[in-house]
N, C-alpha and C. Protein backbone atom coordinates (compact mmCIF):
# COMPACT_ATOMS: atom_id res chain seq x y z
N UNK A 1 2.53 -1.15 15.44
CA UNK A 1 3.35 0.03 15.52
C UNK A 1 4.82 -0.43 15.51
N UNK A 2 5.62 0.29 14.76
CA UNK A 2 7.04 -0.02 14.65
C UNK A 2 7.76 0.27 15.97
N UNK A 3 8.83 -0.47 16.26
CA UNK A 3 9.57 -0.23 17.51
C UNK A 3 10.06 1.21 17.67
N UNK A 4 10.52 1.84 16.59
CA UNK A 4 10.95 3.25 16.69
C UNK A 4 9.80 4.14 17.10
N UNK A 5 8.62 3.86 16.56
CA UNK A 5 7.44 4.65 16.91
C UNK A 5 7.04 4.42 18.36
N UNK A 6 7.09 3.15 18.80
CA UNK A 6 6.79 2.84 20.20
C UNK A 6 7.75 3.58 21.13
N UNK A 7 9.02 3.57 20.78
CA UNK A 7 10.03 4.24 21.60
C UNK A 7 9.76 5.75 21.67
N UNK A 8 9.36 6.34 20.55
CA UNK A 8 9.04 7.76 20.51
C UNK A 8 7.83 8.06 21.39
N UNK A 9 6.80 7.23 21.28
CA UNK A 9 5.58 7.41 22.08
C UNK A 9 5.91 7.30 23.57
N UNK A 10 6.71 6.30 23.95
CA UNK A 10 7.06 6.11 25.36
C UNK A 10 7.87 7.29 25.87
N UNK A 11 8.83 7.78 25.08
CA UNK A 11 9.63 8.92 25.50
C UNK A 11 8.76 10.16 25.68
N UNK A 12 7.85 10.38 24.75
CA UNK A 12 6.94 11.52 24.82
C UNK A 12 6.09 11.42 26.09
N UNK A 13 5.54 10.23 26.30
CA UNK A 13 4.71 10.00 27.48
C UNK A 13 5.52 10.20 28.76
N UNK A 14 6.75 9.72 28.77
CA UNK A 14 7.61 9.86 29.95
C UNK A 14 7.81 11.34 30.30
N UNK A 15 8.01 12.17 29.29
CA UNK A 15 8.20 13.61 29.51
C UNK A 15 6.95 14.21 30.13
N UNK A 16 5.78 13.83 29.61
CA UNK A 16 4.52 14.38 30.12
C UNK A 16 4.23 13.84 31.52
N UNK A 17 4.46 12.55 31.75
CA UNK A 17 4.23 11.96 33.07
C UNK A 17 5.13 12.63 34.11
N UNK A 18 6.37 12.93 33.74
CA UNK A 18 7.28 13.62 34.67
C UNK A 18 6.71 14.96 35.10
N UNK A 19 5.92 15.57 34.24
CA UNK A 19 5.33 16.87 34.55
C UNK A 19 4.03 16.74 35.35
N UNK A 20 3.13 15.84 34.92
CA UNK A 20 1.80 15.80 35.53
C UNK A 20 1.64 14.74 36.62
N UNK A 21 2.47 13.71 36.62
CA UNK A 21 2.35 12.64 37.62
C UNK A 21 3.71 12.00 37.87
N UNK A 22 4.68 12.76 38.37
CA UNK A 22 6.04 12.24 38.52
C UNK A 22 6.14 10.99 39.40
N UNK A 23 5.21 10.80 40.29
CA UNK A 23 5.21 9.62 41.14
C UNK A 23 4.97 8.33 40.37
N UNK A 24 4.48 8.45 39.14
CA UNK A 24 4.21 7.27 38.32
C UNK A 24 5.41 6.86 37.46
N UNK A 25 6.47 7.65 37.44
CA UNK A 25 7.64 7.32 36.61
C UNK A 25 8.19 5.92 36.88
N UNK A 26 8.23 5.45 38.12
CA UNK A 26 8.73 4.08 38.34
C UNK A 26 7.87 3.00 37.67
N UNK A 27 6.62 3.32 37.36
CA UNK A 27 5.73 2.35 36.71
C UNK A 27 5.80 2.41 35.19
N UNK A 28 6.51 3.41 34.64
CA UNK A 28 6.51 3.63 33.18
C UNK A 28 6.91 2.39 32.39
N UNK A 29 8.01 1.75 32.77
CA UNK A 29 8.50 0.61 31.99
C UNK A 29 7.46 -0.50 31.95
N UNK A 30 6.92 -0.86 33.10
CA UNK A 30 5.94 -1.95 33.16
C UNK A 30 4.65 -1.58 32.43
N UNK A 31 4.17 -0.37 32.63
CA UNK A 31 2.94 0.06 31.96
C UNK A 31 3.14 0.17 30.46
N UNK A 32 4.32 0.59 30.02
CA UNK A 32 4.61 0.68 28.59
C UNK A 32 4.63 -0.71 27.96
N UNK A 33 5.29 -1.66 28.65
CA UNK A 33 5.31 -3.04 28.13
C UNK A 33 3.89 -3.59 28.05
N UNK A 34 3.10 -3.34 29.08
CA UNK A 34 1.71 -3.83 29.08
C UNK A 34 0.91 -3.17 27.97
N UNK A 35 1.10 -1.87 27.78
CA UNK A 35 0.35 -1.14 26.76
C UNK A 35 0.66 -1.67 25.36
N UNK A 36 1.93 -1.79 25.04
CA UNK A 36 2.30 -2.22 23.69
C UNK A 36 2.24 -3.73 23.52
N UNK A 37 2.11 -4.45 24.62
CA UNK A 37 1.99 -5.90 24.54
C UNK A 37 0.54 -6.36 24.49
N UNK A 38 -0.38 -5.49 24.21
CA UNK A 38 -1.78 -5.86 24.12
C UNK A 38 -2.66 -5.06 25.04
N UNK A 39 -2.05 -4.29 25.90
CA UNK A 39 -2.84 -3.41 26.75
C UNK A 39 -3.34 -4.07 28.01
N UNK A 40 -3.76 -3.25 28.91
CA UNK A 40 -4.38 -3.70 30.16
C UNK A 40 -5.88 -3.64 29.92
N UNK A 41 -6.53 -4.78 29.98
CA UNK A 41 -7.97 -4.81 29.75
C UNK A 41 -8.67 -5.36 30.97
N UNK A 42 -9.93 -5.04 31.08
CA UNK A 42 -10.72 -5.49 32.22
C UNK A 42 -10.92 -7.00 32.23
N UNK A 43 -10.84 -7.65 31.03
CA UNK A 43 -11.10 -9.08 30.98
C UNK A 43 -9.83 -9.92 30.88
N UNK A 44 -8.65 -9.32 31.06
CA UNK A 44 -7.40 -10.08 31.06
C UNK A 44 -7.37 -10.97 32.31
N UNK A 45 -7.10 -12.28 32.16
CA UNK A 45 -7.12 -13.16 33.32
C UNK A 45 -6.05 -12.82 34.36
N UNK A 46 -4.89 -12.32 33.93
CA UNK A 46 -3.83 -12.01 34.88
C UNK A 46 -3.63 -10.50 35.01
N UNK A 47 -4.68 -9.75 34.86
CA UNK A 47 -4.59 -8.29 34.86
C UNK A 47 -4.06 -7.75 36.18
N UNK A 48 -4.44 -8.32 37.31
CA UNK A 48 -3.98 -7.82 38.60
C UNK A 48 -2.52 -8.19 38.86
N UNK A 49 -2.11 -9.38 38.41
CA UNK A 49 -0.73 -9.82 38.63
C UNK A 49 0.26 -8.98 37.82
N UNK A 50 -0.19 -8.42 36.72
CA UNK A 50 0.69 -7.65 35.85
C UNK A 50 1.38 -6.52 36.60
N UNK A 51 0.64 -5.79 37.38
CA UNK A 51 1.19 -4.63 38.07
C UNK A 51 1.38 -4.84 39.56
N UNK A 52 0.86 -5.94 40.07
CA UNK A 52 0.96 -6.15 41.51
C UNK A 52 -0.20 -5.53 42.25
N UNK A 53 -1.13 -4.94 41.53
CA UNK A 53 -2.35 -4.40 42.13
C UNK A 53 -3.42 -4.42 41.07
N UNK A 54 -4.65 -4.19 41.46
CA UNK A 54 -5.78 -4.32 40.56
C UNK A 54 -5.77 -3.33 39.41
N UNK A 55 -6.38 -3.74 38.30
CA UNK A 55 -6.46 -2.87 37.13
C UNK A 55 -7.29 -1.62 37.44
N UNK A 56 -8.19 -1.73 38.42
CA UNK A 56 -8.97 -0.55 38.81
C UNK A 56 -8.05 0.56 39.30
N UNK A 57 -6.98 0.19 40.00
CA UNK A 57 -6.00 1.19 40.45
C UNK A 57 -5.24 1.75 39.27
N UNK A 58 -4.93 0.91 38.28
CA UNK A 58 -4.19 1.38 37.11
C UNK A 58 -5.01 2.38 36.31
N UNK A 59 -6.33 2.20 36.29
CA UNK A 59 -7.19 3.12 35.56
C UNK A 59 -7.10 4.52 36.16
N UNK A 60 -6.88 4.62 37.47
CA UNK A 60 -6.79 5.91 38.13
C UNK A 60 -5.46 6.61 37.83
N UNK A 61 -4.49 5.89 37.31
CA UNK A 61 -3.20 6.47 36.98
C UNK A 61 -3.28 7.28 35.69
N UNK A 62 -2.43 8.29 35.58
CA UNK A 62 -2.37 9.10 34.36
C UNK A 62 -1.61 8.37 33.26
N UNK A 63 -0.63 7.55 33.61
CA UNK A 63 0.26 6.94 32.63
C UNK A 63 -0.47 6.09 31.59
N UNK A 64 -1.37 5.18 31.97
CA UNK A 64 -2.05 4.40 30.93
C UNK A 64 -2.84 5.28 29.96
N UNK A 65 -3.50 6.31 30.47
CA UNK A 65 -4.25 7.22 29.60
C UNK A 65 -3.30 8.00 28.70
N UNK A 66 -2.19 8.46 29.25
CA UNK A 66 -1.22 9.21 28.45
C UNK A 66 -0.59 8.33 27.38
N UNK A 67 -0.28 7.08 27.71
CA UNK A 67 0.26 6.18 26.69
C UNK A 67 -0.72 6.02 25.54
N UNK A 68 -2.00 5.85 25.88
CA UNK A 68 -3.00 5.68 24.84
C UNK A 68 -3.16 6.96 24.02
N UNK A 69 -3.21 8.10 24.69
CA UNK A 69 -3.38 9.37 23.98
C UNK A 69 -2.17 9.66 23.10
N UNK A 70 -0.97 9.48 23.65
CA UNK A 70 0.24 9.74 22.85
C UNK A 70 0.33 8.79 21.66
N UNK A 71 -0.06 7.52 21.85
CA UNK A 71 -0.04 6.58 20.74
C UNK A 71 -1.07 6.98 19.69
N UNK A 72 -2.29 7.29 20.12
CA UNK A 72 -3.32 7.69 19.17
C UNK A 72 -2.92 8.97 18.45
N UNK A 73 -2.32 9.88 19.18
CA UNK A 73 -1.86 11.13 18.58
C UNK A 73 -0.77 10.85 17.56
N UNK A 74 0.21 10.02 17.91
CA UNK A 74 1.28 9.68 16.98
C UNK A 74 0.70 8.98 15.74
N UNK A 75 -0.23 8.04 15.96
CA UNK A 75 -0.86 7.35 14.84
C UNK A 75 -1.63 8.32 13.95
N UNK A 76 -2.38 9.24 14.58
CA UNK A 76 -3.16 10.21 13.80
C UNK A 76 -2.26 11.13 13.00
N UNK A 77 -1.18 11.60 13.63
CA UNK A 77 -0.25 12.48 12.91
C UNK A 77 0.46 11.71 11.80
N UNK A 78 0.79 10.45 12.05
CA UNK A 78 1.41 9.63 11.02
C UNK A 78 0.46 9.44 9.84
N UNK A 79 -0.81 9.21 10.15
CA UNK A 79 -1.82 9.06 9.10
C UNK A 79 -1.98 10.35 8.31
N UNK A 80 -2.02 11.48 9.01
CA UNK A 80 -2.13 12.77 8.33
C UNK A 80 -0.92 13.00 7.44
N UNK A 81 0.26 12.59 7.90
CA UNK A 81 1.47 12.75 7.10
C UNK A 81 1.38 11.90 5.83
N UNK A 82 0.85 10.69 5.97
CA UNK A 82 0.73 9.81 4.81
C UNK A 82 -0.27 10.35 3.79
N UNK A 83 -1.32 10.97 4.26
CA UNK A 83 -2.38 11.45 3.38
C UNK A 83 -2.15 12.87 2.88
N UNK A 84 -1.35 13.61 3.56
CA UNK A 84 -1.20 15.04 3.25
C UNK A 84 -0.50 15.25 1.92
N UNK A 85 -0.99 16.22 1.18
CA UNK A 85 -0.30 16.62 -0.04
C UNK A 85 0.76 17.66 0.29
N UNK A 86 0.61 18.30 1.43
CA UNK A 86 1.60 19.27 1.86
C UNK A 86 2.69 18.58 2.66
N UNK A 87 3.87 19.06 2.54
CA UNK A 87 5.02 18.49 3.23
C UNK A 87 5.06 18.87 4.70
N UNK A 88 4.25 19.82 5.12
CA UNK A 88 4.37 20.38 6.47
C UNK A 88 4.07 19.37 7.58
N UNK A 89 3.10 18.48 7.41
CA UNK A 89 2.79 17.53 8.48
C UNK A 89 3.92 16.50 8.60
N UNK A 90 4.49 16.08 7.45
CA UNK A 90 5.64 15.17 7.50
C UNK A 90 6.82 15.81 8.20
N UNK A 91 7.02 17.09 7.92
CA UNK A 91 8.09 17.83 8.59
C UNK A 91 7.81 17.91 10.09
N UNK A 92 6.56 18.10 10.46
CA UNK A 92 6.17 18.15 11.86
C UNK A 92 6.54 16.84 12.57
N UNK A 93 6.24 15.71 11.96
CA UNK A 93 6.57 14.42 12.57
C UNK A 93 8.08 14.25 12.69
N UNK A 94 8.80 14.65 11.66
CA UNK A 94 10.26 14.54 11.70
C UNK A 94 10.82 15.38 12.85
N UNK A 95 10.35 16.61 12.96
CA UNK A 95 10.83 17.49 14.03
C UNK A 95 10.40 16.97 15.39
N UNK A 96 9.20 16.41 15.47
CA UNK A 96 8.71 15.85 16.73
C UNK A 96 9.59 14.69 17.17
N UNK A 97 9.89 13.77 16.26
CA UNK A 97 10.75 12.63 16.59
C UNK A 97 12.14 13.11 17.00
N UNK A 98 12.68 14.08 16.25
CA UNK A 98 14.00 14.62 16.56
C UNK A 98 13.99 15.28 17.94
N UNK A 99 12.95 16.04 18.22
CA UNK A 99 12.85 16.75 19.51
C UNK A 99 12.76 15.74 20.65
N UNK A 100 11.97 14.72 20.50
CA UNK A 100 11.77 13.76 21.58
C UNK A 100 12.95 12.80 21.73
N UNK A 101 13.79 12.71 20.71
CA UNK A 101 14.92 11.80 20.76
C UNK A 101 16.18 12.41 21.34
N UNK A 102 16.16 13.70 21.64
CA UNK A 102 17.35 14.38 22.17
C UNK A 102 17.02 15.01 23.51
N UNK A 103 18.06 15.39 24.21
CA UNK A 103 17.87 16.14 25.45
C UNK A 103 17.26 17.48 25.10
N UNK A 104 16.26 17.90 25.84
CA UNK A 104 15.59 19.17 25.60
C UNK A 104 16.59 20.32 25.60
N UNK A 105 17.57 20.29 26.47
CA UNK A 105 18.53 21.39 26.57
C UNK A 105 19.40 21.53 25.34
N UNK A 106 19.45 20.52 24.49
CA UNK A 106 20.27 20.56 23.29
C UNK A 106 19.52 21.11 22.09
N UNK A 107 18.26 21.42 22.24
CA UNK A 107 17.45 21.83 21.10
C UNK A 107 17.79 23.23 20.64
N UNK A 108 17.79 23.41 19.35
CA UNK A 108 17.98 24.74 18.78
C UNK A 108 16.62 25.41 18.68
N UNK A 109 16.61 26.73 18.66
CA UNK A 109 15.33 27.43 18.57
C UNK A 109 14.65 27.16 17.23
N UNK A 110 15.39 26.73 16.24
CA UNK A 110 14.80 26.43 14.93
C UNK A 110 13.85 25.24 15.01
N UNK A 111 13.90 24.47 16.09
CA UNK A 111 13.03 23.31 16.24
C UNK A 111 11.63 23.69 16.69
N UNK A 112 11.35 24.97 16.89
CA UNK A 112 10.05 25.40 17.38
C UNK A 112 8.91 25.02 16.44
N UNK A 113 7.73 24.89 17.00
CA UNK A 113 6.55 24.56 16.24
C UNK A 113 5.70 25.80 16.06
N UNK A 114 5.04 25.89 14.93
CA UNK A 114 4.17 27.04 14.67
C UNK A 114 2.91 26.91 15.53
N UNK A 115 2.22 28.02 15.77
CA UNK A 115 0.96 27.94 16.51
C UNK A 115 -0.04 26.99 15.85
N UNK A 116 -0.09 26.96 14.54
CA UNK A 116 -1.01 26.07 13.84
C UNK A 116 -0.65 24.60 14.09
N UNK A 117 0.65 24.28 14.09
CA UNK A 117 1.09 22.91 14.35
C UNK A 117 0.77 22.50 15.79
N UNK A 118 1.00 23.42 16.72
CA UNK A 118 0.70 23.12 18.12
C UNK A 118 -0.80 22.93 18.34
N UNK A 119 -1.61 23.72 17.66
CA UNK A 119 -3.06 23.57 17.77
C UNK A 119 -3.51 22.24 17.16
N UNK A 120 -2.88 21.83 16.05
CA UNK A 120 -3.19 20.53 15.45
C UNK A 120 -2.87 19.41 16.44
N UNK A 121 -1.71 19.49 17.08
CA UNK A 121 -1.32 18.48 18.06
C UNK A 121 -2.30 18.47 19.23
N UNK A 122 -2.65 19.65 19.74
CA UNK A 122 -3.56 19.74 20.88
C UNK A 122 -4.94 19.19 20.53
N UNK A 123 -5.49 19.59 19.39
CA UNK A 123 -6.83 19.13 19.03
C UNK A 123 -6.84 17.63 18.75
N UNK A 124 -5.76 17.11 18.17
CA UNK A 124 -5.68 15.67 17.93
C UNK A 124 -5.58 14.91 19.26
N UNK A 125 -4.85 15.47 20.22
CA UNK A 125 -4.76 14.84 21.55
C UNK A 125 -6.13 14.83 22.23
N UNK A 126 -6.87 15.93 22.10
CA UNK A 126 -8.22 15.97 22.68
C UNK A 126 -9.12 14.93 22.02
N UNK A 127 -9.05 14.83 20.69
CA UNK A 127 -9.84 13.83 19.97
C UNK A 127 -9.45 12.42 20.40
N UNK A 128 -8.14 12.17 20.53
CA UNK A 128 -7.66 10.84 20.88
C UNK A 128 -8.08 10.43 22.28
N UNK A 129 -8.26 11.39 23.18
CA UNK A 129 -8.63 11.06 24.56
C UNK A 129 -10.14 11.02 24.77
N UNK A 130 -10.92 11.30 23.74
CA UNK A 130 -12.37 11.39 23.88
C UNK A 130 -13.01 10.10 24.39
N UNK A 131 -12.54 8.97 23.96
CA UNK A 131 -13.17 7.71 24.34
C UNK A 131 -12.58 7.05 25.57
N UNK A 132 -11.79 7.76 26.34
CA UNK A 132 -11.11 7.15 27.48
C UNK A 132 -11.87 7.28 28.79
N UNK A 133 -13.01 7.95 28.77
CA UNK A 133 -13.79 8.12 29.99
C UNK A 133 -13.21 9.15 30.95
N UNK A 134 -12.38 10.04 30.43
CA UNK A 134 -11.79 11.08 31.26
C UNK A 134 -12.70 12.30 31.26
N UNK A 135 -12.63 13.09 32.33
CA UNK A 135 -13.39 14.34 32.36
C UNK A 135 -12.81 15.30 31.33
N UNK A 136 -13.60 16.28 30.93
CA UNK A 136 -13.14 17.28 29.97
C UNK A 136 -11.93 18.03 30.52
N UNK A 137 -11.95 18.36 31.81
CA UNK A 137 -10.80 19.05 32.42
C UNK A 137 -9.54 18.19 32.35
N UNK A 138 -9.68 16.90 32.63
CA UNK A 138 -8.53 15.97 32.59
C UNK A 138 -8.00 15.85 31.16
N UNK A 139 -8.91 15.76 30.19
CA UNK A 139 -8.51 15.68 28.78
C UNK A 139 -7.75 16.94 28.37
N UNK A 140 -8.24 18.10 28.79
CA UNK A 140 -7.55 19.36 28.46
C UNK A 140 -6.18 19.41 29.13
N UNK A 141 -6.11 18.98 30.38
CA UNK A 141 -4.84 18.96 31.10
C UNK A 141 -3.81 18.10 30.37
N UNK A 142 -4.22 16.90 29.97
CA UNK A 142 -3.31 16.00 29.26
C UNK A 142 -2.89 16.60 27.92
N UNK A 143 -3.84 17.16 27.17
CA UNK A 143 -3.51 17.77 25.87
C UNK A 143 -2.56 18.95 26.05
N UNK A 144 -2.82 19.78 27.05
CA UNK A 144 -1.94 20.93 27.31
C UNK A 144 -0.55 20.47 27.74
N UNK A 145 -0.49 19.41 28.54
CA UNK A 145 0.81 18.89 28.98
C UNK A 145 1.59 18.32 27.81
N UNK A 146 0.90 17.66 26.88
CA UNK A 146 1.56 17.12 25.70
C UNK A 146 2.14 18.25 24.87
N UNK A 147 1.35 19.29 24.62
CA UNK A 147 1.84 20.45 23.86
C UNK A 147 2.96 21.13 24.63
N UNK A 148 2.78 21.28 25.93
CA UNK A 148 3.81 21.91 26.75
C UNK A 148 5.13 21.18 26.70
N UNK A 149 5.09 19.86 26.56
CA UNK A 149 6.33 19.08 26.48
C UNK A 149 7.12 19.42 25.23
N UNK A 150 6.47 20.05 24.26
CA UNK A 150 7.14 20.38 23.00
C UNK A 150 7.61 21.82 22.92
N UNK A 151 7.09 22.69 23.78
CA UNK A 151 7.40 24.12 23.62
C UNK A 151 8.23 24.69 24.75
N UNK A 152 8.63 23.88 25.70
CA UNK A 152 9.40 24.38 26.84
C UNK A 152 10.84 23.86 26.75
N UNK A 153 11.71 24.54 25.99
CA UNK A 153 13.05 24.02 25.73
C UNK A 153 13.99 24.03 26.92
N UNK A 154 13.66 24.72 28.00
CA UNK A 154 14.58 24.80 29.13
C UNK A 154 14.40 23.68 30.13
N UNK A 155 13.52 22.72 29.86
CA UNK A 155 13.29 21.61 30.79
C UNK A 155 14.12 20.41 30.37
N UNK A 156 14.75 19.73 31.32
CA UNK A 156 15.50 18.52 30.97
C UNK A 156 14.54 17.39 30.65
N UNK A 157 14.98 16.51 29.76
CA UNK A 157 14.16 15.34 29.43
C UNK A 157 14.07 14.46 30.67
N UNK A 158 12.95 13.75 30.80
CA UNK A 158 12.76 12.85 31.94
C UNK A 158 13.79 11.73 31.88
N UNK A 159 14.20 11.26 33.02
CA UNK A 159 15.19 10.18 33.08
C UNK A 159 14.61 8.93 32.46
N UNK A 160 15.47 8.22 31.77
CA UNK A 160 15.02 6.98 31.11
C UNK A 160 15.00 5.84 32.08
């Protein structure tokens, strides 16, 4: 994944984490580095030293799951943009990157997403989280929070 894409995924995840698990924001930087540096795996020899606590505790956190879902979602949307004959999915990615790269309060109403685009994002997020061992309710919560991060223009972006 390109650094710009990683940065977009981390910013998106940060916005969602601020909403669903704000207590995890201090862990964002370390978990993001671990995620994009090869991930936290059960068989990593220094897995517990990475965070200062066991990987079992990290699995209970929302942030690692959200990083994975946001990355899979970004990858899936990027793939759809590459394959699409219609310009609309490419436009969606452009608007998504622009939206996530600016303060939410600075957004113009023209940046809104159509219901079809939001449903595509939500269903792709649900698909991306299918293999994470999360409950259906948790998967829906994460997907709804991801979509919500895009449609609520009056919320400030999470602190970097």
